[in-house]
C-alpha cells in the first residue's frame, strides 16, 4: 500500500474514534438529564409507574 492509503486509513480510524466519543458524550448527557427529570417528577408526587412510563 502507498503512503496515501495508509494516511487515509489513519484518518478514518481517528474519525471513527471521535464519532464514537461524541455519541458517548451525547448519550451520557441525555441520561443525566433524564435522571434529573425523573427525580423532579418523584419529588412533586408522581408515582413510580408514571415515571417509568414517561421513560418508555
N, C-alpha and C. Protein backbone atom coordinates (compact mmCIF):
# COMPACT_ATOMS: atom_id res chain seq x y z
N UNK A 1 0.83 -1.18 0.00
CA UNK A 1 0.00 0.00 0.00
C UNK A 1 0.88 1.24 0.00
N UNK A 2 0.35 2.27 -0.61
CA UNK A 2 1.11 3.52 -0.65
C UNK A 2 0.91 4.35 0.61
N UNK A 3 1.71 5.39 0.70
CA UNK A 3 1.62 6.28 1.86
C UNK A 3 0.27 6.98 1.95
N UNK A 4 -0.32 7.29 0.80
CA UNK A 4 -1.62 7.96 0.78
C UNK A 4 -2.72 7.09 1.35
N UNK A 5 -2.67 5.79 1.04
CA UNK A 5 -3.68 4.86 1.54
C UNK A 5 -3.56 4.70 3.05
N UNK A 6 -2.35 4.60 3.54
CA UNK A 6 -2.14 4.46 4.99
C UNK A 6 -2.62 5.72 5.71
N UNK A 7 -2.33 6.88 5.14
CA UNK A 7 -2.78 8.14 5.74
C UNK A 7 -4.30 8.21 5.79
N UNK A 8 -4.96 7.79 4.72
CA UNK A 8 -6.43 7.79 4.70
C UNK A 8 -7.00 6.82 5.73
N UNK A 9 -6.36 5.67 5.91
CA UNK A 9 -6.82 4.71 6.92
C UNK A 9 -6.68 5.30 8.33
N UNK A 10 -5.57 5.95 8.58
CA UNK A 10 -5.36 6.57 9.90
C UNK A 10 -6.41 7.64 10.15
N UNK A 11 -6.68 8.46 9.14
CA UNK A 11 -7.70 9.50 9.27
C UNK A 11 -9.08 8.89 9.50
N UNK A 12 -9.37 7.78 8.84
CA UNK A 12 -10.66 7.10 9.03
C UNK A 12 -10.78 6.56 10.45
N UNK A 13 -9.72 5.98 10.99
CA UNK A 13 -9.75 5.47 12.36
C UNK A 13 -9.94 6.60 13.37
N UNK A 14 -9.25 7.71 13.15
CA UNK A 14 -9.40 8.86 14.05
C UNK A 14 -10.83 9.38 14.00
N UNK A 15 -11.40 9.47 12.81
CA UNK A 15 -12.78 9.93 12.67
C UNK A 15 -13.74 8.98 13.36
N UNK A 16 -13.50 7.69 13.24
CA UNK A 16 -14.35 6.69 13.89
C UNK A 16 -14.29 6.82 15.41
N UNK A 17 -13.10 6.99 15.94
CA UNK A 17 -12.93 7.14 17.39
C UNK A 17 -13.61 8.41 17.89
N UNK A 18 -13.41 9.52 17.19
CA UNK A 18 -14.03 10.78 17.60
C UNK A 18 -15.55 10.72 17.51
N UNK A 19 -16.06 10.04 16.50
CA UNK A 19 -17.51 9.89 16.37
C UNK A 19 -18.07 9.07 17.52
N UNK A 20 -17.38 8.00 17.87
CA UNK A 20 -17.82 7.16 18.99
C UNK A 20 -17.82 7.93 20.30
N UNK A 21 -16.77 8.73 20.52
CA UNK A 21 -16.71 9.54 21.74
C UNK A 21 -17.82 10.59 21.77
N UNK A 22 -18.12 11.15 20.63
CA UNK A 22 -19.19 12.15 20.54
C UNK A 22 -20.54 11.53 20.89
N UNK A 23 -20.79 10.34 20.38
CA UNK A 23 -22.04 9.63 20.69
C UNK A 23 -22.10 9.30 22.18
N UNK A 24 -20.99 8.87 22.75
CA UNK A 24 -20.93 8.54 24.17
C UNK A 24 -21.25 9.76 25.04
N UNK A 25 -20.70 10.90 24.69
CA UNK A 25 -20.95 12.13 25.45
C UNK A 25 -22.42 12.54 25.34
N UNK A 26 -22.98 12.43 24.14
CA UNK A 26 -24.39 12.80 23.95
C UNK A 26 -25.31 11.89 24.75
N UNK A 27 -25.02 10.59 24.75
CA UNK A 27 -25.85 9.65 25.50
C UNK A 27 -25.74 9.87 26.99
N UNK A 28 -24.54 10.09 27.49
CA UNK A 28 -24.38 10.30 28.93
C UNK A 28 -25.07 11.59 29.37
N UNK A 29 -25.01 12.62 28.56
CA UNK A 29 -25.70 13.87 28.88
C UNK A 29 -27.21 13.67 28.90
N UNK A 30 -27.70 12.92 27.95
CA UNK A 30 -29.14 12.63 27.90
C UNK A 30 -29.59 11.83 29.11
N UNK A 31 -28.78 10.87 29.51
CA UNK A 31 -29.11 10.04 30.68
C UNK A 31 -29.14 10.88 31.94
N UNK A 32 -28.17 11.77 32.11
CA UNK A 32 -28.14 12.63 33.29
C UNK A 32 -29.35 13.56 33.33
N UNK A 33 -29.73 14.12 32.19
CA UNK A 33 -30.91 14.98 32.14
C UNK A 33 -32.17 14.20 32.48
N UNK A 34 -32.27 12.99 31.95
CA UNK A 34 -33.45 12.15 32.22
C UNK A 34 -33.51 11.77 33.69
N UNK A 35 -32.35 11.53 34.28
CA UNK A 35 -32.28 11.17 35.70
C UNK A 35 -32.79 12.32 36.57
N UNK A 36 -32.36 13.54 36.25
CA UNK A 36 -32.82 14.71 36.99
C UNK A 36 -34.32 14.92 36.82
N UNK A 37 -34.80 14.71 35.61
CA UNK A 37 -36.22 14.85 35.33
C UNK A 37 -37.04 13.83 36.13
N UNK A 38 -36.56 12.61 36.20
CA UNK A 38 -37.25 11.56 36.96
C UNK A 38 -37.29 11.91 38.44
N UNK A 39 -36.18 12.41 38.97
CA UNK A 39 -36.14 12.79 40.38
C UNK A 39 -37.11 13.93 40.66
N UNK A 40 -37.18 14.88 39.75
CA UNK A 40 -38.10 16.00 39.93
C UNK A 40 -39.55 15.53 39.91
N UNK A 41 -39.87 14.62 39.01
CA UNK A 41 -41.23 14.07 38.97
C UNK A 41 -41.58 13.37 40.27
N UNK A 42 -40.62 12.62 40.83
CA UNK A 42 -40.88 11.92 42.09
C UNK A 42 -41.07 12.92 43.24
N UNK A 43 -40.29 14.00 43.23
CA UNK A 43 -40.39 15.00 44.29
C UNK A 43 -41.76 15.68 44.28
N UNK A 44 -42.29 15.95 43.09
CA UNK A 44 -43.58 16.64 43.03
C UNK A 44 -44.76 15.68 43.18
N UNK A 45 -44.45 14.39 43.41
CA UNK A 45 -45.52 13.46 43.77
C UNK A 45 -45.93 12.45 42.72
N UNK A 46 -45.20 12.33 41.66
CA UNK A 46 -45.55 11.34 40.64
C UNK A 46 -45.29 9.94 41.16
N UNK A 47 -46.13 9.02 40.76
CA UNK A 47 -45.94 7.63 41.17
C UNK A 47 -44.82 7.00 40.35
N UNK A 48 -44.27 5.92 40.88
CA UNK A 48 -43.18 5.22 40.17
C UNK A 48 -43.63 4.77 38.79
N UNK A 49 -44.85 4.32 38.70
CA UNK A 49 -45.38 3.86 37.41
C UNK A 49 -45.40 5.00 36.39
N UNK A 50 -45.81 6.17 36.83
CA UNK A 50 -45.85 7.33 35.94
C UNK A 50 -44.45 7.68 35.45
N UNK A 51 -43.49 7.67 36.36
CA UNK A 51 -42.11 7.98 35.98
C UNK A 51 -41.59 6.93 35.01
N UNK A 52 -41.87 5.67 35.29
CA UNK A 52 -41.43 4.58 34.42
C UNK A 52 -42.04 4.72 33.03
N UNK A 53 -43.33 5.02 32.97
CA UNK A 53 -44.00 5.15 31.68
C UNK A 53 -43.52 6.38 30.91
N UNK A 54 -43.06 7.41 31.61
CA UNK A 54 -42.55 8.59 30.91
C UNK A 54 -41.21 8.29 30.23
N UNK A 55 -40.48 7.32 30.76
CA UNK A 55 -39.21 6.93 30.15
C UNK A 55 -39.46 6.15 28.87
N UNK A 56 -40.46 5.30 28.92
CA UNK A 56 -40.80 4.48 27.76
C UNK A 56 -41.61 5.31 26.82
